[in-house]
Protein backbone atom coordinates (compact mmCIF):
# COMPACT_ATOMS: atom_id res chain seq x y z
CA MET A 1 81.30 101.45 100.66
CA THR A 2 81.44 105.02 99.94
CA PRO A 3 78.75 107.32 101.56
CA LYS A 4 77.29 107.73 98.12
CA GLN A 5 76.85 104.05 97.35
CA LYS A 6 74.93 103.81 100.83
CA ILE A 7 72.73 106.42 99.90
CA LEU A 8 72.02 105.05 96.49
CA LEU A 9 71.42 101.65 98.13
CA GLY A 10 68.80 103.15 100.71
CA SER A 11 67.35 104.91 97.88
CA MET A 12 66.97 102.00 95.72
CA VAL A 13 65.28 100.26 98.35
CA GLY A 14 62.71 102.93 98.97
CA GLY A 15 62.29 103.18 95.50
CA ILE A 16 61.27 99.37 95.25
CA ILE A 17 58.97 99.80 97.89
CA ASN A 18 57.39 102.90 96.50
CA ALA A 19 57.12 100.94 92.92
CA VAL A 20 55.41 97.94 94.54
CA ILE A 21 52.79 100.44 96.43
CA ASN A 22 51.96 102.69 93.30
CA GLY A 23 52.03 99.68 91.09
CA THR A 24 49.60 97.78 93.32
CA ILE A 25 47.41 100.93 93.53
CA ASN A 26 47.23 101.30 89.68
CA TRP A 27 46.39 97.53 89.53
CA PHE A 28 43.19 97.96 91.89
CA GLN A 29 42.21 101.15 90.04
CA LEU A 30 41.56 99.24 86.83
CA ASN A 31 38.75 96.86 86.53
CA ASP A 32 39.65 93.28 85.68
CA GLY A 33 40.04 92.82 81.67
CA GLU A 34 39.90 96.53 81.09
CA SER A 35 42.49 98.02 78.76
CA ILE A 36 43.60 101.42 78.91
CA LEU A 37 45.39 103.88 76.38
CA LEU A 38 49.34 104.46 77.38
CA THR A 39 49.01 107.97 75.94
CA LYS A 40 46.26 109.97 74.12
CA ASP A 41 47.01 112.46 71.26
CA SER A 42 44.88 115.28 72.86
CA ILE A 43 46.02 117.76 75.34
CA THR A 44 42.34 118.33 76.43
CA SER A 45 41.35 114.66 76.42
CA THR A 46 39.05 113.58 79.40
CA GLN A 47 40.09 110.05 78.75
CA HIS A 48 42.39 108.06 81.47
CA THR A 49 45.72 107.08 80.33
CA VAL A 50 48.58 105.62 82.08
CA ILE A 51 51.04 108.50 81.34
CA GLY A 52 48.42 111.14 82.32
CA SER A 53 47.81 109.57 85.65
CA SER A 54 51.47 109.20 85.96
CA VAL A 55 52.11 112.94 85.90
CA GLY A 56 50.09 113.72 89.33
CA LEU A 57 51.72 110.68 90.82
CA ALA A 58 55.30 111.91 89.96
CA VAL A 59 54.74 115.24 90.77
CA SER A 60 53.13 114.73 94.17
CA LEU A 61 55.86 112.08 95.25
CA ALA A 62 58.73 114.04 94.15
CA PHE A 63 57.37 116.90 96.62
CA ILE A 64 56.29 114.43 99.31
CA LEU A 65 59.52 112.41 99.19
CA THR A 66 62.00 115.46 99.35
CA THR A 67 60.26 116.50 102.40
CA ILE A 68 60.42 112.90 103.99
CA ALA A 69 63.92 112.75 102.99
CA PHE A 70 64.37 116.03 104.80
CA PHE A 71 62.67 115.11 108.12
CA THR A 72 64.21 111.88 108.08
CA THR A 73 68.20 112.77 107.63
CA LYS A 74 70.25 113.13 110.87
CA ASN A 75 72.45 115.74 110.22
CA PRO A 76 72.93 118.67 112.66
CA ASN A 77 74.29 120.95 109.52
CA LYS A 78 71.32 120.53 107.40
CA PRO A 79 69.67 123.77 106.31
CA ALA A 80 66.27 125.07 107.28
CA TYR A 81 63.30 123.73 105.38
CA PHE A 82 62.42 126.91 104.37
CA PRO A 83 63.52 128.18 102.00
CA LYS A 84 66.36 125.74 100.28
CA VAL A 85 64.63 122.54 100.97
CA LEU A 86 61.20 123.81 99.75
CA THR A 87 62.72 125.25 96.73
CA LEU A 88 64.75 121.84 96.15
CA SER A 89 60.79 120.16 96.55
CA ILE A 90 59.36 122.32 94.30
CA LYS A 91 62.60 121.69 91.85
CA HIS A 92 62.30 117.86 91.81
CA SER A 93 58.14 118.36 91.45
CA ILE A 94 58.81 120.60 88.14
CA TYR A 95 61.53 118.23 87.02
CA ALA A 96 59.28 114.95 87.41
CA PHE A 97 56.57 117.00 85.68
CA GLY A 98 58.71 117.74 82.69
CA LEU A 99 59.85 114.37 82.37
CA ILE A 100 56.72 112.46 82.42
CA ILE A 101 55.25 114.85 80.02
CA ILE A 102 58.15 114.67 77.45
CA SER A 103 57.99 110.95 77.97
CA GLY A 104 54.32 110.81 77.17
CA VAL A 105 54.63 113.30 74.11
CA LEU A 106 57.84 111.09 72.81
CA ILE A 107 55.97 107.73 73.23
CA GLN A 108 52.66 109.26 71.27
CA ASN A 109 54.69 110.70 68.72
CA TYR A 110 57.03 107.36 67.87
CA VAL A 111 54.41 104.90 68.91
CA GLY A 112 50.83 106.22 68.89
CA SER A 113 47.90 105.72 70.90
CA ILE A 114 48.17 101.99 72.24
CA GLU A 115 46.08 100.25 74.55
CA VAL A 116 47.75 98.29 77.32
CA SER A 117 46.65 95.57 79.75
CA ARG A 118 45.97 96.24 83.24
CA PHE A 119 49.35 94.60 84.05
CA VAL A 120 51.27 96.79 81.90
CA SER A 121 49.53 99.74 83.27
CA ALA A 122 50.54 98.69 86.76
CA THR A 123 53.98 98.03 85.78
CA VAL A 124 54.61 101.22 83.84
CA THR A 125 53.25 103.30 86.96
CA GLY A 126 55.75 101.00 89.27
CA ILE A 127 58.46 102.09 87.10
CA ILE A 128 57.57 105.85 87.03
CA ALA A 129 57.30 105.72 90.96
CA LEU A 130 60.76 103.58 91.25
CA ILE A 131 62.48 106.13 89.00
CA VAL A 132 61.13 109.24 90.89
CA ALA A 133 61.68 107.72 94.42
CA VAL A 134 65.27 106.44 93.78
CA VAL A 135 66.17 110.01 92.00
CA VAL A 136 64.76 112.25 94.61
CA ASP A 137 65.56 110.62 97.56
CA TYR A 138 69.19 110.04 96.24
CA GLU A 139 69.66 113.82 95.13
CA THR A 140 67.99 115.18 98.37
CA LYS A 141 69.97 113.27 100.76
CA CYS A 142 73.42 113.79 98.83
CA ARG A 143 72.48 117.67 99.29
CA LEU A 144 71.88 117.21 102.70
CA LEU A 145 74.76 114.86 103.92
CA LEU A 146 77.69 115.31 101.66
CA PRO A 147 79.72 118.53 101.57
């Protein structure tokens, strides 16, 4: 198994754990039988939506997981946290923000405002957490460990 495959496998395990945790948190945030909008066609809406709540999750998860990956990676040649890894954390956060917003806009444009169940909301949130966790962890560890 190559080093990149080992990093990817570890990132996938962490991503699955993040998906379960964040999906479960989302599950318990909603009341039983309550439906929620996937997206809303208004930037100033105060209504809670699945994609809207996932933006904050993705941004914070990207920043936190980049920092955790840095501090848990054992490499004597890794760069100092400031400024290199801090800017990487910010880059990952901005990237996650952009992807979630673009996804929400495209869903709203092509599907419209649809209500989803509590289960679908938790599943979408978990999938977003999974993708963010795997990509951020893999990217960070590859940059810190591989030449």
